[in-house]
Amino acid sequence: MGALCALSAVVPSFAFGAPRLGVALGIQAQFGLIALDGFIVACISGAVTAVAIELVHPDIRSTGASVLSLFQTSVIAGWVSDAWSPETALTVMPAFGLLAGGDTRLPRGHRLGDAPACRK
């Protein structure tokens, strides 16, 4: 899961940031990278959402799910785009995939102590 999150950060960053690195991508190549990233994100979005909802207390799961949905879509991207530029936002925003990849590893270490209580 973490590797897919990292890949979902690298692919679109390269698709939108290649000209800043001096690499000229054609329209077809850029579109292909964007489509590949769409496939990768579709593969991981359900698992990331499940992990996030599992970590929220059952009494407020619906609120947690709505906040997650809000921030997965446009809030952070809008802030970055307003602060810098849309091109920079499209290059920088995939870095949040790296944060998500690290976040998926947290439940393994932090929730193991809860396992005996769940079995009762």
PDB file of N, CA and C in Angstrom:
ATOM      1  N   MET A   1       0.820  -1.186   0.000  1.00  0.00           N
ATOM      2  CA  MET A   1       0.000   0.000   0.000  1.00  0.00           C
ATOM      3  C   MET A   1       0.862   1.247   0.000  1.00  0.00           C
ATOM      4  N   GLY A   2       1.886   1.256   0.843  1.00  0.00           N
ATOM      5  CA  GLY A   2       2.766   2.415   0.905  1.00  0.00           C
ATOM      6  C   GLY A   2       3.479   2.663  -0.415  1.00  0.00           C
ATOM      7  N   ALA A   3       3.841   1.571  -1.112  1.00  0.00           N
ATOM      8  CA  ALA A   3       4.515   1.729  -2.402  1.00  0.00           C
ATOM      9  C   ALA A   3       3.578   2.341  -3.444  1.00  0.00           C
ATOM     10  N   LEU A   4       2.306   1.947  -3.417  1.00  0.00           N
ATOM     11  CA  LEU A   4       1.346   2.542  -4.349  1.00  0.00           C
ATOM     12  C   LEU A   4       1.114   4.018  -4.044  1.00  0.00           C
ATOM     13  N   CYS A   5       1.086   4.376  -2.757  1.00  0.00           N
ATOM     14  CA  CYS A   5       0.942   5.789  -2.392  1.00  0.00           C
ATOM     15  C   CYS A   5       2.153   6.585  -2.874  1.00  0.00           C
ATOM     16  N   ALA A   6       3.344   6.007  -2.726  1.00  0.00           N
ATOM     17  CA  ALA A   6       4.544   6.697  -3.216  1.00  0.00           C
ATOM     18  C   ALA A   6       4.513   6.826  -4.732  1.00  0.00           C
ATOM     19  N   LEU A   7       4.065   5.778  -5.407  1.00  0.00           N
ATOM     20  CA  LEU A   7       3.966   5.842  -6.865  1.00  0.00           C
ATOM     21  C   LEU A   7       2.935   6.878  -7.298  1.00  0.00           C
ATOM     22  N   SER A   8       1.856   6.996  -6.520  1.00  0.00           N
ATOM     23  CA  SER A   8       0.848   8.001  -6.854  1.00  0.00           C
ATOM     24  C   SER A   8       1.349   9.415  -6.603  1.00  0.00           C
ATOM     25  N   ALA A   9       2.460   9.553  -5.921  1.00  0.00           N
ATOM     26  CA  ALA A   9       3.077  10.872  -5.741  1.00  0.00           C
ATOM     27  C   ALA A   9       4.076  11.170  -6.851  1.00  0.00           C
ATOM     28  N   VAL A  10       4.815  10.160  -7.261  1.00  0.00           N
ATOM     29  CA  VAL A  10       5.872  10.367  -8.252  1.00  0.00           C
ATOM     30  C   VAL A  10       5.313  10.587  -9.654  1.00  0.00           C
ATOM     31  N   VAL A  11       4.336   9.791 -10.048  1.00  0.00           N
ATOM     32  CA  VAL A  11       3.826   9.848 -11.424  1.00  0.00           C
ATOM     33  C   VAL A  11       3.239  11.218 -11.784  1.00  0.00           C
ATOM     34  N   PRO A  12       2.284  11.765 -11.017  1.00  0.00           N
ATOM     35  CA  PRO A  12       1.747  13.068 -11.418  1.00  0.00           C
ATOM     36  C   PRO A  12       2.738  14.212 -11.206  1.00  0.00           C
ATOM     37  N   SER A  13       3.616  14.084 -10.207  1.00  0.00           N
ATOM     38  CA  SER A  13       4.632  15.130 -10.031  1.00  0.00           C
ATOM     39  C   SER A  13       5.520  15.212 -11.254  1.00  0.00           C
ATOM     40  N   PHE A  14       5.868  14.059 -11.808  1.00  0.00           N
ATOM     41  CA  PHE A  14       6.680  14.068 -13.017  1.00  0.00           C
ATOM     42  C   PHE A  14       5.871  14.553 -14.214  1.00  0.00           C
ATOM     43  N   ALA A  15       4.596  14.147 -14.287  1.00  0.00           N
ATOM     44  CA  ALA A  15       3.756  14.555 -15.419  1.00  0.00           C
ATOM     45  C   ALA A  15       3.625  16.070 -15.498  1.00  0.00           C
ATOM     46  N   PHE A  16       3.463  16.725 -14.345  1.00  0.00           N
ATOM     47  CA  PHE A  16       3.280  18.170 -14.349  1.00  0.00           C
ATOM     48  C   PHE A  16       4.571  18.940 -14.105  1.00  0.00           C
ATOM     49  N   GLY A  17       5.567  18.304 -13.499  1.00  0.00           N
ATOM     50  CA  GLY A  17       6.806  19.003 -13.168  1.00  0.00           C
ATOM     51  C   GLY A  17       7.960  18.728 -14.099  1.00  0.00           C
ATOM     52  N   ALA A  18       7.777  17.897 -15.116  1.00  0.00           N
ATOM     53  CA  ALA A  18       8.868  17.567 -16.034  1.00  0.00           C
ATOM     54  C   ALA A  18       9.481  18.794 -16.701  1.00  0.00           C
ATOM     55  N   PRO A  19       8.687  19.761 -17.162  1.00  0.00           N
ATOM     56  CA  PRO A  19       9.311  20.943 -17.770  1.00  0.00           C
ATOM     57  C   PRO A  19      10.219  21.709 -16.809  1.00  0.00           C
ATOM     58  N   ARG A  20       9.923  21.665 -15.528  1.00  0.00           N
ATOM     59  CA  ARG A  20      10.779  22.339 -14.543  1.00  0.00           C
ATOM     60  C   ARG A  20      12.106  21.614 -14.381  1.00  0.00           C
ATOM     61  N   LEU A  21      12.122  20.334 -14.751  1.00  0.00           N
ATOM     62  CA  LEU A  21      13.352  19.546 -14.690  1.00  0.00           C
ATOM     63  C   LEU A  21      14.105  19.547 -16.016  1.00  0.00           C
ATOM     64  N   GLY A  22      13.554  20.242 -16.997  1.00  0.00           N
ATOM     65  CA  GLY A  22      14.183  20.295 -18.306  1.00  0.00           C
ATOM     66  C   GLY A  22      13.809  19.141 -19.211  1.00  0.00           C
ATOM     67  N   VAL A  23      12.792  18.376 -18.854  1.00  0.00           N
ATOM     68  CA  VAL A  23      12.335  17.248 -19.662  1.00  0.00           C
ATOM     69  C   VAL A  23      11.090  17.687 -20.416  1.00  0.00           C
ATOM     70  N   ALA A  24      11.136  17.568 -21.727  1.00  0.00           N
ATOM     71  CA  ALA A  24       9.987  17.956 -22.545  1.00  0.00           C
ATOM     72  C   ALA A  24       9.107  16.732 -22.785  1.00  0.00           C
ATOM     73  N   LEU A  25       7.892  16.778 -22.250  1.00  0.00           N
ATOM     74  CA  LEU A  25       6.924  15.704 -22.470  1.00  0.00           C
ATOM     75  C   LEU A  25       5.919  16.154 -23.513  1.00  0.00           C
ATOM     76  N   GLY A  26       5.583  15.258 -24.404  1.00  0.00           N
ATOM     77  CA  GLY A  26       4.527  15.546 -25.356  1.00  0.00           C
ATOM     78  C   GLY A  26       3.170  15.449 -24.678  1.00  0.00           C
ATOM     79  N   ILE A  27       2.163  15.953 -25.345  1.00  0.00           N
ATOM     80  CA  ILE A  27       0.810  15.920 -24.791  1.00  0.00           C
ATOM     81  C   ILE A  27       0.358  14.482 -24.542  1.00  0.00           C
ATOM     82  N   GLN A  28       0.651  13.586 -25.487  1.00  0.00           N
ATOM     83  CA  GLN A  28       0.239  12.184 -25.327  1.00  0.00           C
ATOM     84  C   GLN A  28       0.935  11.528 -24.140  1.00  0.00           C
ATOM     85  N   ALA A  29       2.216  11.812 -23.949  1.00  0.00           N
ATOM     86  CA  ALA A  29       2.952  11.236 -22.823  1.00  0.00           C
ATOM     87  C   ALA A  29       2.429  11.775 -21.500  1.00  0.00           C
ATOM     88  N   GLN A  30       2.159  13.075 -21.453  1.00  0.00           N
ATOM     89  CA  GLN A  30       1.628  13.670 -20.228  1.00  0.00           C
ATOM     90  C   GLN A  30       0.248  13.095 -19.915  1.00  0.00           C
ATOM     91  N   PHE A  31      -0.594  12.983 -20.920  1.00  0.00           N
ATOM     92  CA  PHE A  31      -1.922  12.413 -20.705  1.00  0.00           C
ATOM     93  C   PHE A  31      -1.818  10.963 -20.238  1.00  0.00           C
ATOM     94  N   GLY A  32      -0.883  10.211 -20.806  1.00  0.00           N
ATOM     95  CA  GLY A  32      -0.689   8.823 -20.389  1.00  0.00           C
ATOM     96  C   GLY A  32      -0.282   8.716 -18.926  1.00  0.00           C
ATOM     97  N   LEU A  33       0.591   9.602 -18.482  1.00  0.00           N
ATOM     98  CA  LEU A  33       0.995   9.603 -17.076  1.00  0.00           C
ATOM     99  C   LEU A  33      -0.160   9.992 -16.155  1.00  0.00           C
ATOM    100  N   ILE A  34      -0.970  10.952 -16.594  1.00  0.00           N
ATOM    101  CA  ILE A  34      -2.133  11.353 -15.797  1.00  0.00           C
ATOM    102  C   ILE A  34      -3.140  10.198 -15.708  1.00  0.00           C
ATOM    103  N   ALA A  35      -3.357   9.500 -16.808  1.00  0.00           N
ATOM    104  CA  ALA A  35      -4.272   8.354 -16.807  1.00  0.00           C
ATOM    105  C   ALA A  35      -3.732   7.228 -15.923  1.00  0.00           C
ATOM    106  N   LEU A  36      -2.424   6.979 -15.982  1.00  0.00           N
ATOM    107  CA  LEU A  36      -1.806   5.966 -15.119  1.00  0.00           C
ATOM    108  C   LEU A  36      -2.000   6.327 -13.652  1.00  0.00           C
ATOM    109  N   ASP A  37      -1.822   7.596 -13.327  1.00  0.00           N
ATOM    110  CA  ASP A  37      -2.021   8.020 -11.946  1.00  0.00           C
ATOM    111  C   ASP A  37      -3.478   7.857 -11.522  1.00  0.00           C
ATOM    112  N   GLY A  38      -4.413   8.129 -12.421  1.00  0.00           N
ATOM    113  CA  GLY A  38      -5.819   7.913 -12.099  1.00  0.00           C
ATOM    114  C   GLY A  38      -6.099   6.462 -11.746  1.00  0.00           C
ATOM    115  N   PHE A  39      -5.472   5.542 -12.460  1.00  0.00           N
ATOM    116  CA  PHE A  39      -5.630   4.121 -12.164  1.00  0.00           C
ATOM    117  C   PHE A  39      -5.035   3.782 -10.798  1.00  0.00           C
ATOM    118  N   ILE A  40      -3.848   4.303 -10.510  1.00  0.00           N
ATOM    119  CA  ILE A  40      -3.191   4.026  -9.231  1.00  0.00           C
ATOM    120  C   ILE A  40      -4.028   4.568  -8.075  1.00  0.00           C
ATOM    121  N   VAL A  41      -4.520   5.785  -8.217  1.00  0.00           N
ATOM    122  CA  VAL A  41      -5.333   6.390  -7.159  1.00  0.00           C
ATOM    123  C   VAL A  41      -6.624   5.600  -6.949  1.00  0.00           C
ATOM    124  N   ALA A  42      -7.217   5.118  -8.029  1.00  0.00           N
ATOM    125  CA  ALA A  42      -8.428   4.306  -7.900  1.00  0.00           C
ATOM    126  C   ALA A  42      -8.139   3.016  -7.137  1.00  0.00           C
ATOM    127  N   CYS A  43      -6.941   2.478  -7.294  1.00  0.00           N
ATOM    128  CA  CYS A  43      -6.575   1.244  -6.591  1.00  0.00           C
ATOM    129  C   CYS A  43      -6.405   1.458  -5.089  1.00  0.00           C
ATOM    130  N   ILE A  44      -5.948   2.626  -4.678  1.00  0.00           N
ATOM    131  CA  ILE A  44      -5.638   2.826  -3.258  1.00  0.00           C
ATOM    132  C   ILE A  44      -6.677   3.627  -2.493  1.00  0.00           C
ATOM    133  N   SER A  45      -7.582   4.304  -3.178  1.00  0.00           N
ATOM    134  CA  SER A  45      -8.477   5.212  -2.455  1.00  0.00           C
ATOM    135  C   SER A  45      -9.389   4.484  -1.474  1.00  0.00           C
ATOM    136  N   GLY A  46      -9.862   3.325  -1.812  1.00  0.00           N
ATOM    137  CA  GLY A  46     -10.736   2.588  -0.896  1.00  0.00           C
ATOM    138  C   GLY A  46     -10.014   2.137   0.356  1.00  0.00           C
ATOM    139  N   ALA A  47      -8.802   1.656   0.193  1.00  0.00           N
ATOM    140  CA  ALA A  47      -8.044   1.180   1.355  1.00  0.00           C
ATOM    141  C   ALA A  47      -7.646   2.327   2.277  1.00  0.00           C
ATOM    142  N   VAL A  48      -7.245   3.446   1.701  1.00  0.00           N
ATOM    143  CA  VAL A  48      -6.862   4.596   2.520  1.00  0.00           C
ATOM    144  C   VAL A  48      -8.068   5.122   3.296  1.00  0.00           C
ATOM    145  N   THR A  49      -9.218   5.173   2.651  1.00  0.00           N
ATOM    146  CA  THR A  49     -10.436   5.614   3.330  1.00  0.00           C
ATOM    147  C   THR A  49     -10.809   4.646   4.446  1.00  0.00           C
ATOM    148  N   ALA A  50     -10.682   3.349   4.214  1.00  0.00           N
ATOM    149  CA  ALA A  50     -11.006   2.359   5.238  1.00  0.00           C
ATOM    150  C   ALA A  50     -10.099   2.494   6.451  1.00  0.00           C
ATOM    151  N   VAL A  51      -8.817   2.729   6.219  1.00  0.00           N
ATOM    152  CA  VAL A  51      -7.882   2.910   7.333  1.00  0.00           C
ATOM    153  C   VAL A  51      -8.243   4.156   8.126  1.00  0.00           C
ATOM    154  N   ALA A  52      -8.533   5.248   7.427  1.00  0.00           N
ATOM    155  CA  ALA A  52      -8.867   6.497   8.121  1.00  0.00           C
ATOM    156  C   ALA A  52     -10.145   6.352   8.935  1.00  0.00           C
ATOM    157  N   ILE A  53     -11.143   5.695   8.391  1.00  0.00           N
ATOM    158  CA  ILE A  53     -12.409   5.538   9.114  1.00  0.00           C
ATOM    159  C   ILE A  53     -12.248   4.585  10.298  1.00  0.00           C
ATOM    160  N   GLU A  54     -11.392   3.578  10.159  1.00  0.00           N
ATOM    161  CA  GLU A  54     -11.168   2.650  11.262  1.00  0.00           C
ATOM    162  C   GLU A  54     -10.533   3.355  12.459  1.00  0.00           C
ATOM    163  N   LEU A  55      -9.728   4.360  12.195  1.00  0.00           N
ATOM    164  CA  LEU A  55      -9.040   5.051  13.282  1.00  0.00           C
ATOM    165  C   LEU A  55      -9.922   6.064  14.012  1.00  0.00           C
ATOM    166  N   VAL A  56     -11.071   6.399  13.430  1.00  0.00           N
ATOM    167  CA  VAL A  56     -11.979   7.364  14.052  1.00  0.00           C
ATOM    168  C   VAL A  56     -12.907   6.618  15.016  1.00  0.00           C
ATOM    169  N   HIS A  57     -13.169   7.223  16.152  1.00  0.00           N
ATOM    170  CA  HIS A  57     -14.049   6.617  17.149  1.00  0.00           C
ATOM    171  C   HIS A  57     -15.428   6.348  16.532  1.00  0.00           C
ATOM    172  N   PRO A  58     -16.061   5.209  16.855  1.00  0.00           N
ATOM    173  CA  PRO A  58     -17.350   4.863  16.236  1.00  0.00           C
ATOM    174  C   PRO A  58     -18.445   5.911  16.400  1.00  0.00           C
ATOM    175  N   ASP A  59     -18.403   6.676  17.479  1.00  0.00           N
ATOM    176  CA  ASP A  59     -19.452   7.678  17.699  1.00  0.00           C
ATOM    177  C   ASP A  59     -19.393   8.840  16.712  1.00  0.00           C
ATOM    178  N   ILE A  60     -18.225   9.075  16.133  1.00  0.00           N
ATOM    179  CA  ILE A  60     -18.099  10.218  15.219  1.00  0.00           C
ATOM    180  C   ILE A  60     -17.590   9.799  13.836  1.00  0.00           C
ATOM    181  N   ARG A  61     -17.814   8.551  13.447  1.00  0.00           N
ATOM    182  CA  ARG A  61     -17.318   8.073  12.156  1.00  0.00           C
ATOM    183  C   ARG A  61     -17.924   8.813  10.978  1.00  0.00           C
ATOM    184  N   SER A  62     -19.193   9.150  11.055  1.00  0.00           N
ATOM    185  CA  SER A  62     -19.796   9.860   9.917  1.00  0.00           C
ATOM    186  C   SER A  62     -19.159  11.237   9.751  1.00  0.00           C
ATOM    187  N   THR A  63     -18.864  11.905  10.851  1.00  0.00           N
ATOM    188  CA  THR A  63     -18.187  13.199  10.781  1.00  0.00           C
ATOM    189  C   THR A  63     -16.779  13.021  10.247  1.00  0.00           C
ATOM    190  N   GLY A  64     -16.100  12.000  10.718  1.00  0.00           N
ATOM    191  CA  GLY A  64     -14.744  11.735  10.230  1.00  0.00           C
ATOM    192  C   GLY A  64     -14.725  11.433   8.747  1.00  0.00           C
ATOM    193  N   ALA A  65     -15.710  10.676   8.270  1.00  0.00           N
ATOM    194  CA  ALA A  65     -15.780  10.349   6.846  1.00  0.00           C
ATOM    195  C   ALA A  65     -16.041  11.597   6.010  1.00  0.00           C
ATOM    196  N   SER A  66     -16.885  12.491   6.512  1.00  0.00           N
ATOM    197  CA  SER A  66     -17.168  13.705   5.735  1.00  0.00           C
ATOM    198  C   SER A  66     -15.971  14.641   5.714  1.00  0.00           C
ATOM    199  N   VAL A  67     -15.250  14.747   6.823  1.00  0.00           N
ATOM    200  CA  VAL A  67     -14.045  15.585   6.837  1.00  0.00           C
ATOM    201  C   VAL A  67     -12.984  15.000   5.919  1.00  0.00           C
ATOM    202  N   LEU A  68     -12.833  13.677   5.945  1.00  0.00           N
ATOM    203  CA  LEU A  68     -11.883  13.023   5.044  1.00  0.00           C
ATOM    204  C   LEU A  68     -12.237  13.303   3.590  1.00  0.00           C
ATOM    205  N   SER A  69     -13.504  13.187   3.262  1.00  0.00           N
ATOM    206  CA  SER A  69     -13.955  13.439   1.896  1.00  0.00           C
ATOM    207  C   SER A  69     -13.690  14.879   1.484  1.00  0.00           C
ATOM    208  N   LEU A  70     -13.931  15.805   2.391  1.00  0.00           N
ATOM    209  CA  LEU A  70     -13.696  17.221   2.099  1.00  0.00           C
ATOM    210  C   LEU A  70     -12.232  17.489   1.803  1.00  0.00           C
ATOM    211  N   PHE A  71     -11.345  16.946   2.618  1.00  0.00           N
ATOM    212  CA  PHE A  71      -9.930  17.219   2.432  1.00  0.00           C
ATOM    213  C   PHE A  71      -9.302  16.396   1.320  1.00  0.00           C
ATOM    214  N   GLN A  72      -9.903  15.254   0.958  1.00  0.00           N
ATOM    215  CA  GLN A  72      -9.372  14.481  -0.160  1.00  0.00           C
ATOM    216  C   GLN A  72      -9.647  15.166  -1.479  1.00  0.00           C
ATOM    217  N   THR A  73     -10.618  16.018  -1.522  1.00  0.00           N
ATOM    218  CA  THR A  73     -11.004  16.590  -2.804  1.00  0.00           C
ATOM    219  C   THR A  73     -10.296  17.891  -3.087  1.00  0.00           C
ATOM    220  N   SER A  74     -10.771  19.005  -2.551  1.00  0.00           N
ATOM    221  CA  SER A  74     -10.292  20.261  -3.096  1.00  0.00           C
ATOM    222  C   SER A  74      -9.761  21.278  -2.110  1.00  0.00           C
ATOM    223  N   VAL A  75      -9.947  21.085  -0.839  1.00  0.00           N
ATOM    224  CA  VAL A  75      -9.582  22.136   0.102  1.00  0.00           C
ATOM    225  C   VAL A  75      -8.086  22.422   0.084  1.00  0.00           C
ATOM    226  N   ILE A  76      -7.285  21.403   0.273  1.00  0.00           N
ATOM    227  CA  ILE A  76      -5.839  21.612   0.319  1.00  0.00           C
ATOM    228  C   ILE A  76      -5.323  22.038  -1.053  1.00  0.00           C
ATOM    229  N   ALA A  77      -5.821  21.414  -2.108  1.00  0.00           N
ATOM    230  CA  ALA A  77      -5.399  21.800  -3.463  1.00  0.00           C
ATOM    231  C   ALA A  77      -5.756  23.254  -3.751  1.00  0.00           C
ATOM    232  N   GLY A  78      -6.911  23.699  -3.287  1.00  0.00           N
ATOM    233  CA  GLY A  78      -7.302  25.095  -3.486  1.00  0.00           C
ATOM    234  C   GLY A  78      -6.399  26.052  -2.743  1.00  0.00           C
ATOM    235  N   TRP A  79      -6.043  25.699  -1.510  1.00  0.00           N
ATOM    236  CA  TRP A  79      -5.148  26.556  -0.737  1.00  0.00           C
ATOM    237  C   TRP A  79      -3.781  26.674  -1.415  1.00  0.00           C
ATOM    238  N   VAL A  80      -3.239  25.538  -1.852  1.00  0.00           N
ATOM    239  CA  VAL A  80      -1.924  25.559  -2.504  1.00  0.00           C
ATOM    240  C   VAL A  80      -1.999  26.322  -3.818  1.00  0.00           C
ATOM    241  N   SER A  81      -3.057  26.111  -4.573  1.00  0.00           N
ATOM    242  CA  SER A  81      -3.217  26.803  -5.854  1.00  0.00           C
ATOM    243  C   SER A  81      -3.353  28.309  -5.662  1.00  0.00           C
ATOM    244  N   ASP A  82      -4.079  28.718  -4.636  1.00  0.00           N
ATOM    245  CA  ASP A  82      -4.220  30.147  -4.364  1.00  0.00           C
ATOM    246  C   ASP A  82      -2.920  30.763  -3.874  1.00  0.00           C
ATOM    247  N   ALA A  83      -2.183  30.033  -3.069  1.00  0.00           N
ATOM    248  CA  ALA A  83      -0.942  30.567  -2.520  1.00  0.00           C
ATOM    249  C   ALA A  83       0.160  30.652  -3.572  1.00  0.00           C
ATOM    250  N   TRP A  84       0.233  29.680  -4.454  1.00  0.00           N
ATOM    251  CA  TRP A  84       1.264  29.678  -5.474  1.00  0.00           C
ATOM    252  C   TRP A  84       0.606  29.859  -6.830  1.00  0.00           C
ATOM    253  N   SER A  85       0.569  28.814  -7.615  1.00  0.00           N
ATOM    254  CA  SER A  85      -0.085  28.860  -8.925  1.00  0.00           C
ATOM    255  C   SER A  85      -0.664  27.480  -9.200  1.00  0.00           C
ATOM    256  N   PRO A  86      -1.621  27.388 -10.137  1.00  0.00           N
ATOM    257  CA  PRO A  86      -2.176  26.063 -10.437  1.00  0.00           C
ATOM    258  C   PRO A  86      -1.115  25.068 -10.912  1.00  0.00           C
ATOM    259  N   GLU A  87      -0.143  25.523 -11.686  1.00  0.00           N
ATOM    260  CA  GLU A  87       0.905  24.621 -12.180  1.00  0.00           C
ATOM    261  C   GLU A  87       1.743  24.084 -11.021  1.00  0.00           C
ATOM    262  N   THR A  88       2.086  24.964 -10.086  1.00  0.00           N
ATOM    263  CA  THR A  88       2.863  24.529  -8.928  1.00  0.00           C
ATOM    264  C   THR A  88       2.037  23.596  -8.055  1.00  0.00           C
ATOM    265  N   ALA A  89       0.753  23.901  -7.901  1.00  0.00           N
ATOM    266  CA  ALA A  89      -0.115  23.029  -7.097  1.00  0.00           C
ATOM    267  C   ALA A  89      -0.184  21.630  -7.700  1.00  0.00           C
ATOM    268  N   LEU A  90      -0.294  21.544  -9.013  1.00  0.00           N
ATOM    269  CA  LEU A  90      -0.363  20.231  -9.662  1.00  0.00           C
ATOM    270  C   LEU A  90       0.950  19.465  -9.512  1.00  0.00           C
ATOM    271  N   THR A  91       2.042  20.177  -9.353  1.00  0.00           N
ATOM    272  CA  THR A  91       3.333  19.526  -9.169  1.00  0.00           C
ATOM    273  C   THR A  91       3.556  19.115  -7.719  1.00  0.00           C
ATOM    274  N   VAL A  92       3.118  19.936  -6.781  1.00  0.00           N
ATOM    275  CA  VAL A  92       3.399  19.723  -5.360  1.00  0.00           C
ATOM    276  C   VAL A  92       2.372  18.826  -4.675  1.00  0.00           C
ATOM    277  N   MET A  93       1.117  18.919  -5.064  1.00  0.00           N
ATOM    278  CA  MET A  93       0.048  18.204  -4.366  1.00  0.00           C
ATOM    279  C   MET A  93       0.247  16.687  -4.285  1.00  0.00           C
ATOM    280  N   PRO A  94       0.816  16.043  -5.285  1.00  0.00           N
ATOM    281  CA  PRO A  94       1.004  14.597  -5.148  1.00  0.00           C
ATOM    282  C   PRO A  94       1.913  14.190  -3.997  1.00  0.00           C
ATOM    283  N   ALA A  95       2.665  15.126  -3.438  1.00  0.00           N
ATOM    284  CA  ALA A  95       3.500  14.792  -2.278  1.00  0.00           C
ATOM    285  C   ALA A  95       2.648  14.328  -1.098  1.00  0.00           C
ATOM    286  N   PHE A  96       1.376  14.717  -1.078  1.00  0.00           N
ATOM    287  CA  PHE A  96       0.497  14.242  -0.015  1.00  0.00           C
ATOM    288  C   PHE A  96       0.293  12.731  -0.115  1.00  0.00           C
ATOM    289  N   GLY A  97       0.554  12.148  -1.285  1.00  0.00           N
ATOM    290  CA  GLY A  97       0.524  10.694  -1.413  1.00  0.00           C
ATOM    291  C   GLY A  97       1.592  10.037  -0.556  1.00  0.00           C
ATOM    292  N   LEU A  98       2.724  10.711  -0.403  1.00  0.00           N
ATOM    293  CA  LEU A  98       3.771  10.182   0.469  1.00  0.00           C
ATOM    294  C   LEU A  98       3.323  10.214   1.929  1.00  0.00           C
ATOM    295  N   LEU A  99       2.638  11.281   2.316  1.00  0.00           N
ATOM    296  CA  LEU A  99       2.097  11.344   3.675  1.00  0.00           C
ATOM    297  C   LEU A  99       1.067  10.246   3.896  1.00  0.00           C
ATOM    298  N   ALA A 100       0.232  10.011   2.900  1.00  0.00           N
ATOM    299  CA  ALA A 100      -0.774   8.959   3.014  1.00  0.00           C
ATOM    300  C   ALA A 100      -0.115   7.590   3.107  1.00  0.00           C
ATOM    301  N   GLY A 101       0.968   7.385   2.374  1.00  0.00           N
ATOM    302  CA  GLY A 101       1.683   6.118   2.445  1.00  0.00           C
ATOM    303  C   GLY A 101       2.252   5.871   3.828  1.00  0.00           C
ATOM    304  N   GLY A 102       2.772   6.915   4.467  1.00  0.00           N
ATOM    305  CA  GLY A 102       3.263   6.783   5.829  1.00  0.00           C
ATOM    306  C   GLY A 102       2.136   6.568   6.811  1.00  0.00           C
ATOM    307  N   ASP A 103       0.994   7.179   6.546  1.00  0.00           N
ATOM    308  CA  ASP A 103      -0.150   7.064   7.434  1.00  0.00           C
ATOM    309  C   ASP A 103      -0.738   5.656   7.422  1.00  0.00           C
ATOM    310  N   THR A 104      -0.662   4.958   6.309  1.00  0.00           N
ATOM    311  CA  THR A 104      -1.220   3.608   6.249  1.00  0.00           C
ATOM    312  C   THR A 104      -0.407   2.634   7.089  1.00  0.00           C
ATOM    313  N   ARG A 105       0.808   2.992   7.425  1.00  0.00           N
ATOM    314  CA  ARG A 105       1.636   2.118   8.239  1.00  0.00           C
ATOM    315  C   ARG A 105       1.398   2.331   9.729  1.00  0.00           C
ATOM    316  N   LEU A 106       0.786   3.434  10.121  1.00  0.00           N
ATOM    317  CA  LEU A 106       0.573   3.724  11.538  1.00  0.00           C
ATOM    318  C   LEU A 106      -0.292   2.700  12.263  1.00  0.00           C
ATOM    319  N   PRO A 107      -1.404   2.264  11.706  1.00  0.00           N
ATOM    320  CA  PRO A 107      -2.244   1.346  12.478  1.00  0.00           C
ATOM    321  C   PRO A 107      -1.550   0.052  12.869  1.00  0.00           C
ATOM    322  N   ARG A 108      -0.608  -0.401  12.082  1.00  0.00           N
ATOM    323  CA  ARG A 108       0.079  -1.643  12.422  1.00  0.00           C
ATOM    324  C   ARG A 108       0.775  -1.545  13.777  1.00  0.00           C
ATOM    325  N   GLY A 109       1.488  -0.470  13.989  1.00  0.00           N
ATOM    326  CA  GLY A 109       2.242  -0.341  15.228  1.00  0.00           C
ATOM    327  C   GLY A 109       1.424   0.189  16.383  1.00  0.00           C
ATOM    328  N   HIS A 110       0.461   1.027  16.114  1.00  0.00           N
ATOM    329  CA  HIS A 110      -0.262   1.687  17.187  1.00  0.00           C
ATOM    330  C   HIS A 110      -1.515   0.945  17.608  1.00  0.00           C
ATOM    331  N   ARG A 111      -2.032   0.099  16.793  1.00  0.00           N
ATOM    332  CA  ARG A 111      -3.289  -0.579  17.115  1.00  0.00           C
ATOM    333  C   ARG A 111      -3.088  -2.010  17.603  1.00  0.00           C
ATOM    334  N   LEU A 112      -1.850  -2.499  17.627  1.00  0.00           N
ATOM    335  CA  LEU A 112      -1.632  -3.882  18.057  1.00  0.00           C
ATOM    336  C   LEU A 112      -2.031  -4.097  19.509  1.00  0.00           C
ATOM    337  N   GLY A 113      -1.897  -3.073  20.331  1.00  0.00           N
ATOM    338  CA  GLY A 113      -2.298  -3.195  21.722  1.00  0.00           C
ATOM    339  C   GLY A 113      -3.799  -3.343  21.885  1.00  0.00           C
ATOM    340  N   ASP A 114      -4.557  -2.907  20.910  1.00  0.00           N
ATOM    341  CA  ASP A 114      -6.014  -3.020  20.975  1.00  0.00           C
ATOM    342  C   ASP A 114      -6.515  -4.393  20.529  1.00  0.00           C
ATOM    343  N   ALA A 115      -5.680  -5.181  19.908  1.00  0.00           N
ATOM    344  CA  ALA A 115      -6.113  -6.463  19.367  1.00  0.00           C
ATOM    345  C   ALA A 115      -6.691  -7.410  20.423  1.00  0.00           C
ATOM    346  N   PRO A 116      -6.059  -7.594  21.597  1.00  0.00           N
ATOM    347  CA  PRO A 116      -6.657  -8.500  22.591  1.00  0.00           C
ATOM    348  C   PRO A 116      -8.036  -8.020  23.050  1.00  0.00           C
ATOM    349  N   ALA A 117      -8.236  -6.716  23.173  1.00  0.00           N
ATOM    350  CA  ALA A 117      -9.534  -6.198  23.608  1.00  0.00           C
ATOM    351  C   ALA A 117     -10.605  -6.456  22.556  1.00  0.00           C
ATOM    352  N   CYS A 118     -10.229  -6.436  21.295  1.00  0.00           N
ATOM    353  CA  CYS A 118     -11.195  -6.671  20.206  1.00  0.00           C
ATOM    354  C   CYS A 118     -11.598  -8.135  20.132  1.00  0.00           C
ATOM    355  N   ARG A 119     -10.754  -9.024  20.583  1.00  0.00           N
ATOM    356  CA  ARG A 119     -11.061 -10.456  20.484  1.00  0.00           C
ATOM    357  C   ARG A 119     -12.047 -10.891  21.563  1.00  0.00           C
ATOM    358  N   LYS A 120     -12.203 -10.118  22.610  1.00  0.00           N
ATOM    359  CA  LYS A 120     -13.096 -10.512  23.712  1.00  0.00           C
ATOM    360  C   LYS A 120     -14.544 -10.414  23.326  1.00  0.00           C
TER     361      LYS A 120
END
